[in-house]
Structure formats: structure tokens, C-alpha cells
Amino acid sequence: MSSTSKVCFFFETRSFSLVKRTALKAQIEALFKREKKKLASLNYIFCSDNRLLEINRQYLQHDYFTDIITFDLSSDASTVGEIYISIDRVRDNAKSLGVSFTAELHRVIFHGALHLCGYGDKKKEEIVQMRKREDYWLERYFRGD
């Protein structure tokens, strides 16, 4: 891996700690390589429920809370993206799903990257495929591959 990552993390909220950032960035870059997608740059912005609700209303005309919004800003074959993640929503979802905050946060991080690689999550069969890919990348990451 080169010393300059194509993946950056920005924190509008400091209500959590993201550990092993270098390893996570490397895994995200590996995901794009494995999916045969050229990654130019990818920014993750961690924010609050209210901030993500504003974005959802302004850009998608949706008036509800969500855990993640992915923007594909690519203009050519190289992927450029911004992924906004609500830490509040991830924390609530982790509780309701009975999983750790760390596991749910990483699932959402990989979920956004997979969206940029062309995976959908609107139809039942798309959701099944998305979950399989999320599980694959979570397992690799937490195993240390």
C-alpha cells in the first residue's frame, strides 16, 4: 500500500473512537481492487442524526433518519465518493440488532463502499447479495487479512 491513502475520515462528531484506521483504509482500498473498481478518492464523514437528516432532506428529498448516505461523485472510470454516516443511528441500530457498536459501524463503512462498487439494497435479492459482501469484508477485516 502506498503511504498516501485514497480513503479519508472526517469527524463532525467526536462521540466515538475509530481505531485501526490505517488497517481499515487498506481494507477499503482492497475492497475496490477486488471489485475491479479504480478508486480515486473516498471521504467518510461521521456526523449526527440531525446532520444526516438535513442532507437527506436537501439532496434526496427524504424526510427520515438513516444511518448512511453515499454520494457517487465520479466523472469517469475512477471512483470518487463521499459517505456520510450517522453515529447516532449506528449506535441505535447496534442496540436494536444486538451487535456491538464497532461491528455495526464497520458494516456500515463497508456497505457504503459496496454501494460505490455497484451493489444495491432496494430489492430482496440485492439485500441478500449486499449482506453477503458486507459479511465477507467484515470477516476479512476482523481476522486481519
N, C-alpha and C. Protein backbone atom coordinates (compact mmCIF):
# COMPACT_ATOMS: atom_id res chain seq x y z
N MET A 1 0.84 -1.18 0.00
CA MET A 1 0.00 0.00 0.00
C MET A 1 0.88 1.23 0.00
N SER A 2 0.49 2.23 -0.74
CA SER A 2 1.24 3.48 -0.77
C SER A 2 1.07 4.22 0.54
N SER A 3 1.97 5.16 0.80
CA SER A 3 1.92 5.89 2.06
C SER A 3 0.77 6.89 2.10
N THR A 4 0.24 7.27 0.95
CA THR A 4 -0.90 8.17 0.94
C THR A 4 -2.15 7.38 0.56
N SER A 5 -3.09 7.38 1.46
CA SER A 5 -4.32 6.62 1.25
C SER A 5 -5.29 7.43 0.40
N LYS A 6 -6.12 6.73 -0.32
CA LYS A 6 -7.18 7.35 -1.11
C LYS A 6 -8.45 7.49 -0.27
N VAL A 7 -8.40 6.98 0.95
CA VAL A 7 -9.53 7.00 1.86
C VAL A 7 -9.23 7.94 3.02
N CYS A 8 -10.17 8.85 3.29
CA CYS A 8 -10.01 9.80 4.41
C CYS A 8 -11.23 9.75 5.32
N PHE A 9 -10.99 9.98 6.60
CA PHE A 9 -12.05 10.02 7.60
C PHE A 9 -12.14 11.42 8.17
N PHE A 10 -13.37 11.94 8.27
CA PHE A 10 -13.63 13.26 8.85
C PHE A 10 -14.68 13.09 9.94
N PHE A 11 -14.52 13.83 11.02
CA PHE A 11 -15.38 13.66 12.19
C PHE A 11 -16.07 14.96 12.54
N GLU A 12 -17.38 15.02 12.26
CA GLU A 12 -18.17 16.16 12.70
C GLU A 12 -18.62 15.94 14.13
N THR A 13 -18.52 14.72 14.59
CA THR A 13 -18.87 14.36 15.96
C THR A 13 -17.69 13.60 16.56
N ARG A 14 -17.42 13.85 17.81
CA ARG A 14 -16.31 13.17 18.49
C ARG A 14 -16.84 12.19 19.54
N SER A 15 -18.03 11.67 19.33
CA SER A 15 -18.68 10.82 20.33
C SER A 15 -18.25 9.36 20.24
N PHE A 16 -17.21 9.06 19.49
CA PHE A 16 -16.73 7.70 19.37
C PHE A 16 -15.28 7.74 18.90
N SER A 17 -14.65 6.57 18.95
CA SER A 17 -13.26 6.47 18.51
C SER A 17 -13.18 5.43 17.40
N LEU A 18 -12.52 5.77 16.33
CA LEU A 18 -12.32 4.84 15.22
C LEU A 18 -10.87 4.36 15.29
N VAL A 19 -10.69 3.12 15.71
CA VAL A 19 -9.35 2.58 15.90
C VAL A 19 -8.91 1.83 14.64
N LYS A 20 -7.62 1.54 14.58
CA LYS A 20 -7.03 0.80 13.46
C LYS A 20 -7.40 1.44 12.11
N ARG A 21 -7.27 2.75 12.05
CA ARG A 21 -7.67 3.48 10.83
C ARG A 21 -6.85 3.08 9.61
N THR A 22 -5.55 2.89 9.79
CA THR A 22 -4.69 2.53 8.65
C THR A 22 -5.11 1.18 8.08
N ALA A 23 -5.37 0.21 8.95
CA ALA A 23 -5.81 -1.11 8.50
C ALA A 23 -7.17 -1.03 7.82
N LEU A 24 -8.06 -0.20 8.35
CA LEU A 24 -9.39 -0.05 7.76
C LEU A 24 -9.30 0.58 6.37
N LYS A 25 -8.48 1.61 6.24
CA LYS A 25 -8.29 2.24 4.93
C LYS A 25 -7.74 1.23 3.92
N ALA A 26 -6.78 0.42 4.36
CA ALA A 26 -6.20 -0.59 3.47
C ALA A 26 -7.26 -1.61 3.05
N GLN A 27 -8.14 -1.99 3.97
CA GLN A 27 -9.20 -2.96 3.64
C GLN A 27 -10.21 -2.37 2.66
N ILE A 28 -10.53 -1.10 2.82
CA ILE A 28 -11.45 -0.44 1.90
C ILE A 28 -10.82 -0.37 0.51
N GLU A 29 -9.54 -0.03 0.44
CA GLU A 29 -8.86 0.00 -0.85
C GLU A 29 -8.80 -1.39 -1.47
N ALA A 30 -8.61 -2.43 -0.65
CA ALA A 30 -8.61 -3.81 -1.14
C ALA A 30 -9.98 -4.19 -1.68
N LEU A 31 -11.04 -3.70 -1.04
CA LEU A 31 -12.40 -3.96 -1.50
C LEU A 31 -12.59 -3.44 -2.93
N PHE A 32 -12.17 -2.23 -3.17
CA PHE A 32 -12.30 -1.66 -4.51
C PHE A 32 -11.49 -2.46 -5.53
N LYS A 33 -10.29 -2.83 -5.15
CA LYS A 33 -9.43 -3.61 -6.05
C LYS A 33 -10.08 -4.95 -6.37
N ARG A 34 -10.61 -5.62 -5.35
CA ARG A 34 -11.25 -6.92 -5.52
C ARG A 34 -12.49 -6.82 -6.40
N GLU A 35 -13.20 -5.69 -6.29
CA GLU A 35 -14.40 -5.46 -7.09
C GLU A 35 -14.08 -4.89 -8.47
N LYS A 36 -12.78 -4.76 -8.76
CA LYS A 36 -12.29 -4.26 -10.05
C LYS A 36 -12.79 -2.84 -10.34
N LYS A 37 -12.73 -2.01 -9.31
CA LYS A 37 -13.11 -0.60 -9.43
C LYS A 37 -11.90 0.25 -9.08
N LYS A 38 -11.60 1.22 -9.92
CA LYS A 38 -10.48 2.12 -9.65
C LYS A 38 -10.94 3.19 -8.67
N LEU A 39 -10.22 3.31 -7.56
CA LEU A 39 -10.58 4.27 -6.53
C LEU A 39 -9.67 5.49 -6.63
N ALA A 40 -10.27 6.65 -6.85
CA ALA A 40 -9.51 7.90 -6.87
C ALA A 40 -9.49 8.52 -5.48
N SER A 41 -10.67 8.69 -4.88
CA SER A 41 -10.74 9.20 -3.51
C SER A 41 -12.10 8.89 -2.89
N LEU A 42 -12.06 8.67 -1.58
CA LEU A 42 -13.27 8.35 -0.85
C LEU A 42 -13.19 9.02 0.52
N ASN A 43 -14.16 9.86 0.81
CA ASN A 43 -14.23 10.55 2.10
C ASN A 43 -15.40 10.01 2.90
N TYR A 44 -15.11 9.62 4.13
CA TYR A 44 -16.14 9.22 5.08
C TYR A 44 -16.32 10.39 6.04
N ILE A 45 -17.55 10.83 6.23
CA ILE A 45 -17.85 11.91 7.15
C ILE A 45 -18.78 11.36 8.22
N PHE A 46 -18.30 11.33 9.46
CA PHE A 46 -19.08 10.81 10.58
C PHE A 46 -19.78 11.99 11.24
N CYS A 47 -21.10 11.89 11.36
CA CYS A 47 -21.89 13.03 11.83
C CYS A 47 -23.04 12.57 12.71
N SER A 48 -23.91 13.51 13.06
CA SER A 48 -25.07 13.24 13.92
C SER A 48 -26.30 12.89 13.09
N ASP A 49 -27.32 12.38 13.79
CA ASP A 49 -28.62 12.12 13.16
C ASP A 49 -29.17 13.38 12.48
N ASN A 50 -29.12 14.50 13.20
CA ASN A 50 -29.68 15.74 12.66
C ASN A 50 -28.96 16.21 11.41
N ARG A 51 -27.66 16.07 11.39
CA ARG A 51 -26.88 16.47 10.20
C ARG A 51 -27.25 15.59 9.00
N LEU A 52 -27.36 14.29 9.23
CA LEU A 52 -27.69 13.38 8.12
C LEU A 52 -29.14 13.58 7.67
N LEU A 53 -30.02 13.93 8.59
CA LEU A 53 -31.40 14.24 8.22
C LEU A 53 -31.44 15.48 7.31
N GLU A 54 -30.65 16.50 7.62
CA GLU A 54 -30.55 17.69 6.76
C GLU A 54 -30.11 17.31 5.35
N ILE A 55 -29.08 16.48 5.26
CA ILE A 55 -28.56 16.04 3.96
C ILE A 55 -29.62 15.23 3.22
N ASN A 56 -30.30 14.34 3.93
CA ASN A 56 -31.34 13.50 3.33
C ASN A 56 -32.46 14.37 2.76
N ARG A 57 -32.86 15.39 3.49
CA ARG A 57 -33.92 16.30 3.01
C ARG A 57 -33.43 17.13 1.83
N GLN A 58 -32.24 17.70 1.96
CA GLN A 58 -31.74 18.63 0.94
C GLN A 58 -31.42 17.96 -0.39
N TYR A 59 -30.75 16.80 -0.35
CA TYR A 59 -30.26 16.19 -1.58
C TYR A 59 -31.11 15.04 -2.11
N LEU A 60 -31.85 14.38 -1.22
CA LEU A 60 -32.62 13.22 -1.65
C LEU A 60 -34.12 13.39 -1.48
N GLN A 61 -34.54 14.54 -0.91
CA GLN A 61 -35.94 14.82 -0.65
C GLN A 61 -36.61 13.73 0.17
N HIS A 62 -35.85 13.16 1.12
CA HIS A 62 -36.37 12.16 2.05
C HIS A 62 -36.42 12.81 3.43
N ASP A 63 -37.55 12.64 4.12
CA ASP A 63 -37.71 13.26 5.43
C ASP A 63 -37.69 12.20 6.53
N TYR A 64 -36.57 11.50 6.64
CA TYR A 64 -36.43 10.49 7.69
C TYR A 64 -34.96 10.29 8.03
N PHE A 65 -34.74 9.73 9.22
CA PHE A 65 -33.38 9.42 9.66
C PHE A 65 -32.87 8.20 8.92
N THR A 66 -31.58 8.15 8.71
CA THR A 66 -30.94 7.00 8.09
C THR A 66 -29.54 6.87 8.67
N ASP A 67 -28.93 5.71 8.50
CA ASP A 67 -27.59 5.53 9.06
C ASP A 67 -26.49 5.96 8.10
N ILE A 68 -26.79 5.95 6.79
CA ILE A 68 -25.75 6.23 5.81
C ILE A 68 -26.35 6.83 4.54
N ILE A 69 -25.61 7.75 3.96
CA ILE A 69 -25.93 8.27 2.62
C ILE A 69 -24.62 8.27 1.84
N THR A 70 -24.67 7.67 0.67
CA THR A 70 -23.49 7.54 -0.19
C THR A 70 -23.69 8.39 -1.43
N PHE A 71 -22.71 9.23 -1.71
CA PHE A 71 -22.73 10.05 -2.93
C PHE A 71 -21.62 9.59 -3.85
N ASP A 72 -21.99 9.20 -5.06
CA ASP A 72 -21.01 8.86 -6.09
C ASP A 72 -20.74 10.13 -6.89
N LEU A 73 -19.56 10.69 -6.75
CA LEU A 73 -19.18 11.94 -7.41
C LEU A 73 -18.26 11.70 -8.59
N SER A 74 -18.19 10.46 -9.04
CA SER A 74 -17.30 10.08 -10.14
C SER A 74 -17.71 10.75 -11.43
N SER A 75 -16.71 11.16 -12.20
CA SER A 75 -17.00 11.73 -13.51
C SER A 75 -16.38 10.89 -14.63
N ASP A 76 -15.61 9.89 -14.24
CA ASP A 76 -15.03 8.98 -15.24
C ASP A 76 -14.95 7.59 -14.63
N ALA A 77 -14.02 6.77 -15.09
CA ALA A 77 -13.91 5.39 -14.62
C ALA A 77 -13.35 5.28 -13.20
N SER A 78 -12.76 6.35 -12.70
CA SER A 78 -12.23 6.33 -11.33
C SER A 78 -13.30 6.76 -10.34
N THR A 79 -13.43 6.00 -9.27
CA THR A 79 -14.46 6.28 -8.27
C THR A 79 -14.04 7.41 -7.34
N VAL A 80 -14.93 8.38 -7.21
CA VAL A 80 -14.81 9.46 -6.24
C VAL A 80 -16.11 9.44 -5.45
N GLY A 81 -16.00 9.37 -4.13
CA GLY A 81 -17.22 9.29 -3.34
C GLY A 81 -17.13 9.99 -2.01
N GLU A 82 -18.32 10.30 -1.49
CA GLU A 82 -18.47 10.82 -0.13
C GLU A 82 -19.53 9.97 0.55
N ILE A 83 -19.21 9.53 1.75
CA ILE A 83 -20.12 8.69 2.51
C ILE A 83 -20.34 9.34 3.87
N TYR A 84 -21.59 9.68 4.14
CA TYR A 84 -21.97 10.30 5.41
C TYR A 84 -22.59 9.23 6.29
N ILE A 85 -22.11 9.12 7.52
CA ILE A 85 -22.59 8.10 8.44
C ILE A 85 -23.04 8.77 9.74
N SER A 86 -24.29 8.48 10.15
CA SER A 86 -24.81 8.98 11.41
C SER A 86 -24.37 8.05 12.54
N ILE A 87 -23.53 8.55 13.42
CA ILE A 87 -23.07 7.78 14.56
C ILE A 87 -24.24 7.49 15.50
N ASP A 88 -25.16 8.43 15.66
CA ASP A 88 -26.35 8.21 16.49
C ASP A 88 -27.14 7.01 16.00
N ARG A 89 -27.37 6.96 14.68
CA ARG A 89 -28.19 5.90 14.09
C ARG A 89 -27.46 4.56 14.18
N VAL A 90 -26.15 4.56 13.93
CA VAL A 90 -25.37 3.32 14.04
C VAL A 90 -25.44 2.78 15.47
N ARG A 91 -25.33 3.67 16.44
CA ARG A 91 -25.39 3.25 17.85
C ARG A 91 -26.76 2.65 18.17
N ASP A 92 -27.84 3.30 17.73
CA ASP A 92 -29.20 2.79 17.96
C ASP A 92 -29.42 1.46 17.24
N ASN A 93 -28.95 1.36 16.00
CA ASN A 93 -29.12 0.12 15.23
C ASN A 93 -28.36 -1.03 15.88
N ALA A 94 -27.17 -0.75 16.38
CA ALA A 94 -26.38 -1.80 17.04
C ALA A 94 -27.15 -2.35 18.24
N LYS A 95 -27.74 -1.44 19.03
CA LYS A 95 -28.53 -1.87 20.21
C LYS A 95 -29.71 -2.72 19.77
N SER A 96 -30.47 -2.25 18.78
CA SER A 96 -31.68 -2.98 18.38
C SER A 96 -31.34 -4.31 17.69
N LEU A 97 -30.18 -4.40 17.05
CA LEU A 97 -29.77 -5.64 16.38
C LEU A 97 -29.02 -6.58 17.32
N GLY A 98 -28.65 -6.08 18.50
CA GLY A 98 -27.93 -6.91 19.46
C GLY A 98 -26.49 -7.19 19.05
N VAL A 99 -25.87 -6.21 18.39
CA VAL A 99 -24.46 -6.35 17.98
C VAL A 99 -23.68 -5.18 18.59
N SER A 100 -22.37 -5.30 18.57
CA SER A 100 -21.55 -4.23 19.12
C SER A 100 -21.57 -3.01 18.21
N PHE A 101 -21.35 -1.86 18.81
CA PHE A 101 -21.25 -0.62 18.03
C PHE A 101 -20.15 -0.74 16.99
N THR A 102 -19.02 -1.31 17.38
CA THR A 102 -17.88 -1.45 16.46
C THR A 102 -18.24 -2.30 15.25
N ALA A 103 -18.91 -3.43 15.47
CA ALA A 103 -19.31 -4.30 14.36
C ALA A 103 -20.27 -3.58 13.43
N GLU A 104 -21.27 -2.91 13.99
CA GLU A 104 -22.26 -2.21 13.16
C GLU A 104 -21.62 -1.05 12.41
N LEU A 105 -20.74 -0.31 13.05
CA LEU A 105 -20.05 0.79 12.38
C LEU A 105 -19.27 0.30 11.18
N HIS A 106 -18.53 -0.79 11.36
CA HIS A 106 -17.74 -1.32 10.25
C HIS A 106 -18.62 -1.89 9.14
N ARG A 107 -19.75 -2.50 9.51
CA ARG A 107 -20.69 -2.98 8.49
C ARG A 107 -21.15 -1.81 7.62
N VAL A 108 -21.50 -0.71 8.25
CA VAL A 108 -21.98 0.46 7.51
C VAL A 108 -20.86 1.06 6.65
N ILE A 109 -19.65 1.09 7.17
CA ILE A 109 -18.50 1.60 6.41
C ILE A 109 -18.31 0.78 5.13
N PHE A 110 -18.33 -0.55 5.25
CA PHE A 110 -18.19 -1.40 4.07
C PHE A 110 -19.42 -1.31 3.16
N HIS A 111 -20.58 -1.15 3.75
CA HIS A 111 -21.83 -1.01 2.99
C HIS A 111 -21.73 0.16 2.00
N GLY A 112 -21.26 1.30 2.48
CA GLY A 112 -21.13 2.48 1.62
C GLY A 112 -20.16 2.23 0.48
N ALA A 113 -19.03 1.60 0.78
CA ALA A 113 -18.04 1.29 -0.26
C ALA A 113 -18.64 0.35 -1.30
N LEU A 114 -19.41 -0.64 -0.84
CA LEU A 114 -20.04 -1.58 -1.76
C LEU A 114 -21.06 -0.90 -2.66
N HIS A 115 -21.78 0.09 -2.13
CA HIS A 115 -22.68 0.87 -2.98
C HIS A 115 -21.90 1.50 -4.14
N LEU A 116 -20.74 2.07 -3.84
CA LEU A 116 -19.93 2.71 -4.87
C LEU A 116 -19.38 1.70 -5.88
N CYS A 117 -19.36 0.44 -5.50
CA CYS A 117 -18.92 -0.63 -6.41
C CYS A 117 -20.08 -1.23 -7.20
N GLY A 118 -21.28 -0.66 -7.01
CA GLY A 118 -22.42 -1.09 -7.82
C GLY A 118 -23.44 -1.97 -7.12
N TYR A 119 -23.23 -2.28 -5.85
CA TYR A 119 -24.20 -3.11 -5.13
C TYR A 119 -25.38 -2.26 -4.68
N GLY A 120 -26.58 -2.80 -4.87
CA GLY A 120 -27.80 -2.12 -4.44
C GLY A 120 -28.35 -2.75 -3.18
N ASP A 121 -29.43 -2.16 -2.67
CA ASP A 121 -30.08 -2.73 -1.49
C ASP A 121 -31.57 -2.39 -1.45
N LYS A 122 -32.17 -2.27 -2.62
CA LYS A 122 -33.60 -1.96 -2.68
C LYS A 122 -34.46 -3.22 -2.81
N LYS A 123 -34.03 -4.17 -3.63
CA LYS A 123 -34.79 -5.41 -3.84
C LYS A 123 -34.26 -6.50 -2.92
N LYS A 124 -35.11 -7.49 -2.64
CA LYS A 124 -34.73 -8.57 -1.72
C LYS A 124 -33.43 -9.26 -2.14
N GLU A 125 -33.30 -9.58 -3.42
CA GLU A 125 -32.09 -10.28 -3.87
C GLU A 125 -30.84 -9.40 -3.77
N GLU A 126 -31.02 -8.08 -3.95
CA GLU A 126 -29.90 -7.15 -3.79
C GLU A 126 -29.46 -7.09 -2.33
N ILE A 127 -30.44 -7.09 -1.42
CA ILE A 127 -30.14 -7.04 0.01
C ILE A 127 -29.36 -8.28 0.42
N VAL A 128 -29.77 -9.44 -0.07
CA VAL A 128 -29.08 -10.69 0.25
C VAL A 128 -27.63 -10.63 -0.23
N GLN A 129 -27.43 -10.19 -1.45
CA GLN A 129 -26.07 -10.09 -2.00
C GLN A 129 -25.24 -9.05 -1.23
N MET A 130 -25.84 -7.91 -0.89
CA MET A 130 -25.14 -6.88 -0.13
C MET A 130 -24.70 -7.43 1.22
N ARG A 131 -25.58 -8.14 1.92
CA ARG A 131 -25.23 -8.71 3.23
C ARG A 131 -24.08 -9.70 3.11
N LYS A 132 -24.09 -10.51 2.06
CA LYS A 132 -23.00 -11.48 1.85
C LYS A 132 -21.67 -10.76 1.69
N ARG A 133 -21.67 -9.69 0.91
CA ARG A 133 -20.42 -8.94 0.68
C ARG A 133 -19.99 -8.21 1.94
N GLU A 134 -20.95 -7.63 2.67
CA GLU A 134 -20.61 -6.99 3.95
C GLU A 134 -19.96 -7.99 4.89
N ASP A 135 -20.59 -9.17 5.03
CA ASP A 135 -20.07 -10.21 5.92
C ASP A 135 -18.66 -10.63 5.49
N TYR A 136 -18.45 -10.78 4.20
CA TYR A 136 -17.14 -11.16 3.67
C TYR A 136 -16.07 -10.15 4.11
N TRP A 137 -16.35 -8.88 3.90
CA TRP A 137 -15.36 -7.84 4.23
C TRP A 137 -15.21 -7.66 5.72
N LEU A 138 -16.28 -7.78 6.50
CA LEU A 138 -16.17 -7.72 7.96
C LEU A 138 -15.29 -8.84 8.49
N GLU A 139 -15.52 -10.05 7.99
CA GLU A 139 -14.74 -11.20 8.43
C GLU A 139 -13.26 -11.00 8.09
N ARG A 140 -12.98 -10.57 6.89
CA ARG A 140 -11.58 -10.33 6.49
C ARG A 140 -10.94 -9.27 7.37
N TYR A 141 -11.67 -8.19 7.61
CA TYR A 141 -11.11 -7.10 8.39
C TYR A 141 -10.82 -7.52 9.83
N PHE A 142 -11.79 -8.15 10.47
CA PHE A 142 -11.61 -8.51 11.87
C PHE A 142 -10.66 -9.68 12.05
N ARG A 143 -10.43 -10.48 11.01
CA ARG A 143 -9.44 -11.53 11.03
C ARG A 143 -8.03 -10.97 10.84
N GLY A 144 -7.98 -9.78 10.23
CA GLY A 144 -6.68 -9.15 9.99
C GLY A 144 -6.08 -9.48 8.64
N ASP A 145 -6.91 -9.90 7.68
CA ASP A 145 -6.42 -10.21 6.31
C ASP A 145 -6.07 -8.96 5.55
